[in-house]
Amino acid sequence: MANHKSALKRNKQNEKRAARNRHIRSTMRTLVKQVREAATAGDAAAAKAALERAVPYIDKSASKGVIHKATASRKIARLAKLVNTLG
């Protein structure tokens, strides 16, 4: 446990940021999962709608530093490719 006032503050900040990052990452993963589930079900319209919800959130995750921008780009590209194969 931290003993100095600055270390206590740092721990508090780290916990707050970790909670925020966990929420953003969890929500992003849920949205990606919805796209994949709609795609495996063969529902092109639902997959496209889910993709439109997921893409801005993935970009937002990258802009907040939760994931790397290259990771965000790769996720978006792979999801778009998956949805486009449905027709």
N, C-alpha and C. Protein backbone atom coordinates (compact mmCIF):
# COMPACT_ATOMS: atom_id res chain seq x y z
N MET A 1 0.85 -1.19 0.00
CA MET A 1 0.00 0.00 0.00
C MET A 1 0.88 1.24 0.00
N ALA A 2 0.43 2.26 -0.69
CA ALA A 2 1.17 3.51 -0.79
C ALA A 2 1.16 4.26 0.53
N ASN A 3 2.28 4.91 0.82
CA ASN A 3 2.40 5.65 2.08
C ASN A 3 2.40 7.16 1.87
N HIS A 4 2.94 7.60 0.75
CA HIS A 4 3.00 9.04 0.49
C HIS A 4 1.69 9.54 -0.11
N LYS A 5 1.42 10.80 0.14
CA LYS A 5 0.18 11.41 -0.35
C LYS A 5 0.12 11.34 -1.88
N SER A 6 1.25 11.60 -2.54
CA SER A 6 1.28 11.58 -4.01
C SER A 6 1.06 10.16 -4.55
N ALA A 7 1.59 9.16 -3.83
CA ALA A 7 1.42 7.77 -4.26
C ALA A 7 -0.03 7.33 -4.07
N LEU A 8 -0.66 7.80 -2.99
CA LEU A 8 -2.08 7.49 -2.77
C LEU A 8 -2.93 8.08 -3.89
N LYS A 9 -2.61 9.32 -4.25
CA LYS A 9 -3.34 9.99 -5.33
C LYS A 9 -3.13 9.24 -6.65
N ARG A 10 -1.89 8.84 -6.91
CA ARG A 10 -1.57 8.11 -8.14
C ARG A 10 -2.36 6.81 -8.21
N ASN A 11 -2.45 6.08 -7.09
CA ASN A 11 -3.23 4.84 -7.06
C ASN A 11 -4.70 5.09 -7.36
N LYS A 12 -5.23 6.16 -6.78
CA LYS A 12 -6.63 6.51 -7.01
C LYS A 12 -6.87 6.83 -8.49
N GLN A 13 -5.95 7.58 -9.09
CA GLN A 13 -6.07 7.94 -10.51
C GLN A 13 -5.99 6.69 -11.39
N ASN A 14 -5.05 5.79 -11.05
CA ASN A 14 -4.89 4.56 -11.83
C ASN A 14 -6.13 3.69 -11.78
N GLU A 15 -6.76 3.60 -10.60
CA GLU A 15 -7.98 2.81 -10.47
C GLU A 15 -9.11 3.40 -11.30
N LYS A 16 -9.23 4.72 -11.27
CA LYS A 16 -10.28 5.40 -12.03
C LYS A 16 -10.08 5.18 -13.53
N ARG A 17 -8.85 5.33 -14.00
CA ARG A 17 -8.55 5.16 -15.42
C ARG A 17 -8.73 3.72 -15.86
N ALA A 18 -8.33 2.78 -15.00
CA ALA A 18 -8.49 1.37 -15.32
C ALA A 18 -9.97 1.01 -15.46
N ALA A 19 -10.80 1.57 -14.59
CA ALA A 19 -12.24 1.31 -14.65
C ALA A 19 -12.83 1.87 -15.94
N ARG A 20 -12.39 3.08 -16.32
CA ARG A 20 -12.87 3.69 -17.55
C ARG A 20 -12.44 2.85 -18.76
N ASN A 21 -11.17 2.44 -18.78
CA ASN A 21 -10.66 1.63 -19.89
C ASN A 21 -11.38 0.30 -19.98
N ARG A 22 -11.65 -0.31 -18.82
CA ARG A 22 -12.35 -1.61 -18.79
C ARG A 22 -13.75 -1.47 -19.38
N HIS A 23 -14.44 -0.38 -19.05
CA HIS A 23 -15.77 -0.14 -19.58
C HIS A 23 -15.74 0.04 -21.10
N ILE A 24 -14.81 0.84 -21.57
CA ILE A 24 -14.71 1.09 -23.01
C ILE A 24 -14.37 -0.19 -23.76
N ARG A 25 -13.39 -0.95 -23.24
CA ARG A 25 -12.97 -2.19 -23.91
C ARG A 25 -14.10 -3.21 -23.91
N SER A 26 -14.81 -3.33 -22.80
CA SER A 26 -15.91 -4.29 -22.69
C SER A 26 -17.03 -3.96 -23.67
N THR A 27 -17.39 -2.69 -23.73
CA THR A 27 -18.45 -2.26 -24.65
C THR A 27 -18.04 -2.51 -26.10
N MET A 28 -16.79 -2.20 -26.41
CA MET A 28 -16.28 -2.41 -27.77
C MET A 28 -16.37 -3.90 -28.14
N ARG A 29 -15.94 -4.76 -27.22
CA ARG A 29 -15.97 -6.20 -27.49
C ARG A 29 -17.40 -6.70 -27.69
N THR A 30 -18.33 -6.15 -26.93
CA THR A 30 -19.74 -6.54 -27.07
C THR A 30 -20.26 -6.16 -28.45
N LEU A 31 -19.92 -4.95 -28.91
CA LEU A 31 -20.37 -4.50 -30.22
C LEU A 31 -19.76 -5.34 -31.33
N VAL A 32 -18.48 -5.71 -31.20
CA VAL A 32 -17.82 -6.56 -32.18
C VAL A 32 -18.49 -7.93 -32.20
N LYS A 33 -18.82 -8.43 -31.03
CA LYS A 33 -19.47 -9.74 -30.91
C LYS A 33 -20.83 -9.73 -31.61
N GLN A 34 -21.57 -8.62 -31.48
CA GLN A 34 -22.88 -8.52 -32.13
C GLN A 34 -22.74 -8.58 -33.65
N VAL A 35 -21.69 -7.95 -34.18
CA VAL A 35 -21.45 -7.99 -35.63
C VAL A 35 -21.17 -9.43 -36.06
N ARG A 36 -20.28 -10.09 -35.33
CA ARG A 36 -19.91 -11.47 -35.67
C ARG A 36 -21.09 -12.43 -35.56
N GLU A 37 -21.92 -12.27 -34.54
CA GLU A 37 -23.08 -13.14 -34.37
C GLU A 37 -24.09 -12.95 -35.50
N ALA A 38 -24.31 -11.70 -35.90
CA ALA A 38 -25.24 -11.43 -37.00
C ALA A 38 -24.68 -12.00 -38.30
N ALA A 39 -23.38 -11.93 -38.47
CA ALA A 39 -22.75 -12.45 -39.69
C ALA A 39 -22.83 -13.97 -39.74
N THR A 40 -22.59 -14.64 -38.61
CA THR A 40 -22.66 -16.10 -38.60
C THR A 40 -24.10 -16.59 -38.78
N ALA A 41 -25.06 -15.76 -38.35
CA ALA A 41 -26.47 -16.12 -38.55
C ALA A 41 -26.89 -15.89 -39.99
N GLY A 42 -26.07 -15.17 -40.75
CA GLY A 42 -26.37 -14.91 -42.16
C GLY A 42 -27.30 -13.74 -42.38
N ASP A 43 -27.53 -12.96 -41.36
CA ASP A 43 -28.42 -11.80 -41.46
C ASP A 43 -27.61 -10.57 -41.88
N ALA A 44 -27.61 -10.29 -43.17
CA ALA A 44 -26.77 -9.21 -43.72
C ALA A 44 -27.20 -7.84 -43.20
N ALA A 45 -28.50 -7.61 -43.11
CA ALA A 45 -28.99 -6.31 -42.67
C ALA A 45 -28.61 -6.04 -41.21
N ALA A 46 -28.79 -7.03 -40.38
CA ALA A 46 -28.44 -6.87 -38.96
C ALA A 46 -26.94 -6.71 -38.78
N ALA A 47 -26.17 -7.44 -39.57
CA ALA A 47 -24.70 -7.34 -39.49
C ALA A 47 -24.24 -5.95 -39.90
N LYS A 48 -24.86 -5.43 -40.95
CA LYS A 48 -24.48 -4.09 -41.43
C LYS A 48 -24.84 -3.03 -40.38
N ALA A 49 -26.00 -3.17 -39.77
CA ALA A 49 -26.43 -2.22 -38.73
C ALA A 49 -25.50 -2.30 -37.51
N ALA A 50 -25.14 -3.52 -37.13
CA ALA A 50 -24.24 -3.70 -36.00
C ALA A 50 -22.86 -3.13 -36.31
N LEU A 51 -22.41 -3.28 -37.54
CA LEU A 51 -21.12 -2.74 -37.95
C LEU A 51 -21.12 -1.22 -37.87
N GLU A 52 -22.22 -0.60 -38.28
CA GLU A 52 -22.33 0.86 -38.23
C GLU A 52 -22.29 1.38 -36.79
N ARG A 53 -22.76 0.56 -35.83
CA ARG A 53 -22.67 0.95 -34.42
C ARG A 53 -21.26 0.69 -33.88
N ALA A 54 -20.61 -0.37 -34.34
CA ALA A 54 -19.32 -0.78 -33.80
C ALA A 54 -18.17 0.10 -34.26
N VAL A 55 -18.16 0.51 -35.53
CA VAL A 55 -17.02 1.24 -36.09
C VAL A 55 -16.71 2.53 -35.33
N PRO A 56 -17.68 3.41 -35.08
CA PRO A 56 -17.35 4.63 -34.34
C PRO A 56 -16.83 4.33 -32.93
N TYR A 57 -17.34 3.29 -32.32
CA TYR A 57 -16.91 2.97 -30.96
C TYR A 57 -15.48 2.43 -30.95
N ILE A 58 -15.12 1.66 -31.97
CA ILE A 58 -13.75 1.16 -32.08
C ILE A 58 -12.80 2.34 -32.28
N ASP A 59 -13.19 3.29 -33.14
CA ASP A 59 -12.37 4.49 -33.35
C ASP A 59 -12.23 5.29 -32.05
N LYS A 60 -13.32 5.39 -31.31
CA LYS A 60 -13.31 6.10 -30.04
C LYS A 60 -12.36 5.43 -29.05
N SER A 61 -12.36 4.11 -29.03
CA SER A 61 -11.46 3.37 -28.15
C SER A 61 -10.01 3.67 -28.48
N ALA A 62 -9.71 3.78 -29.77
CA ALA A 62 -8.34 4.08 -30.19
C ALA A 62 -7.97 5.51 -29.83
N SER A 63 -8.90 6.43 -30.00
CA SER A 63 -8.59 7.84 -29.72
C SER A 63 -8.37 8.07 -28.23
N LYS A 64 -9.00 7.25 -27.40
CA LYS A 64 -8.82 7.38 -25.95
C LYS A 64 -7.62 6.59 -25.45
N GLY A 65 -6.96 5.86 -26.35
CA GLY A 65 -5.75 5.14 -25.97
C GLY A 65 -6.00 3.79 -25.34
N VAL A 66 -7.23 3.30 -25.41
CA VAL A 66 -7.54 1.99 -24.85
C VAL A 66 -6.93 0.89 -25.72
N ILE A 67 -7.01 1.08 -27.04
CA ILE A 67 -6.36 0.18 -27.99
C ILE A 67 -5.52 1.02 -28.94
N HIS A 68 -4.57 0.40 -29.59
CA HIS A 68 -3.70 1.10 -30.54
C HIS A 68 -4.48 1.41 -31.81
N LYS A 69 -4.11 2.48 -32.50
CA LYS A 69 -4.85 2.87 -33.70
C LYS A 69 -4.74 1.83 -34.80
N ALA A 70 -3.61 1.12 -34.86
CA ALA A 70 -3.46 0.06 -35.87
C ALA A 70 -4.38 -1.11 -35.55
N THR A 71 -4.55 -1.39 -34.26
CA THR A 71 -5.44 -2.46 -33.83
C THR A 71 -6.88 -2.11 -34.20
N ALA A 72 -7.24 -0.86 -34.00
CA ALA A 72 -8.59 -0.41 -34.34
C ALA A 72 -8.82 -0.53 -35.85
N SER A 73 -7.85 -0.10 -36.61
CA SER A 73 -7.95 -0.17 -38.07
C SER A 73 -8.10 -1.62 -38.53
N ARG A 74 -7.32 -2.51 -37.94
CA ARG A 74 -7.37 -3.93 -38.30
C ARG A 74 -8.72 -4.54 -37.95
N LYS A 75 -9.25 -4.22 -36.77
CA LYS A 75 -10.55 -4.74 -36.36
C LYS A 75 -11.65 -4.29 -37.32
N ILE A 76 -11.63 -2.99 -37.65
CA ILE A 76 -12.64 -2.44 -38.54
C ILE A 76 -12.56 -3.09 -39.91
N ALA A 77 -11.35 -3.25 -40.43
CA ALA A 77 -11.17 -3.85 -41.76
C ALA A 77 -11.68 -5.29 -41.79
N ARG A 78 -11.36 -6.04 -40.76
CA ARG A 78 -11.78 -7.45 -40.74
C ARG A 78 -13.29 -7.58 -40.59
N LEU A 79 -13.88 -6.72 -39.76
CA LEU A 79 -15.34 -6.76 -39.62
C LEU A 79 -16.03 -6.35 -40.90
N ALA A 80 -15.51 -5.30 -41.56
CA ALA A 80 -16.10 -4.84 -42.81
C ALA A 80 -16.01 -5.92 -43.88
N LYS A 81 -14.88 -6.59 -43.92
CA LYS A 81 -14.68 -7.68 -44.89
C LYS A 81 -15.68 -8.81 -44.62
N LEU A 82 -15.89 -9.12 -43.35
CA LEU A 82 -16.84 -10.17 -42.97
C LEU A 82 -18.25 -9.82 -43.40
N VAL A 83 -18.65 -8.57 -43.15
CA VAL A 83 -20.01 -8.13 -43.50
C VAL A 83 -20.18 -8.07 -45.01
N ASN A 84 -19.14 -7.63 -45.70
CA ASN A 84 -19.23 -7.53 -47.18
C ASN A 84 -19.33 -8.88 -47.86
N THR A 85 -18.84 -9.94 -47.25
CA THR A 85 -18.96 -11.28 -47.85
C THR A 85 -20.39 -11.80 -47.80
N LEU A 86 -21.21 -11.20 -46.93
CA LEU A 86 -22.61 -11.63 -46.81
C LEU A 86 -23.44 -11.22 -48.01
N GLY A 87 -23.02 -10.12 -48.64
CA GLY A 87 -23.73 -9.68 -49.84
C GLY A 87 -24.70 -8.63 -49.65
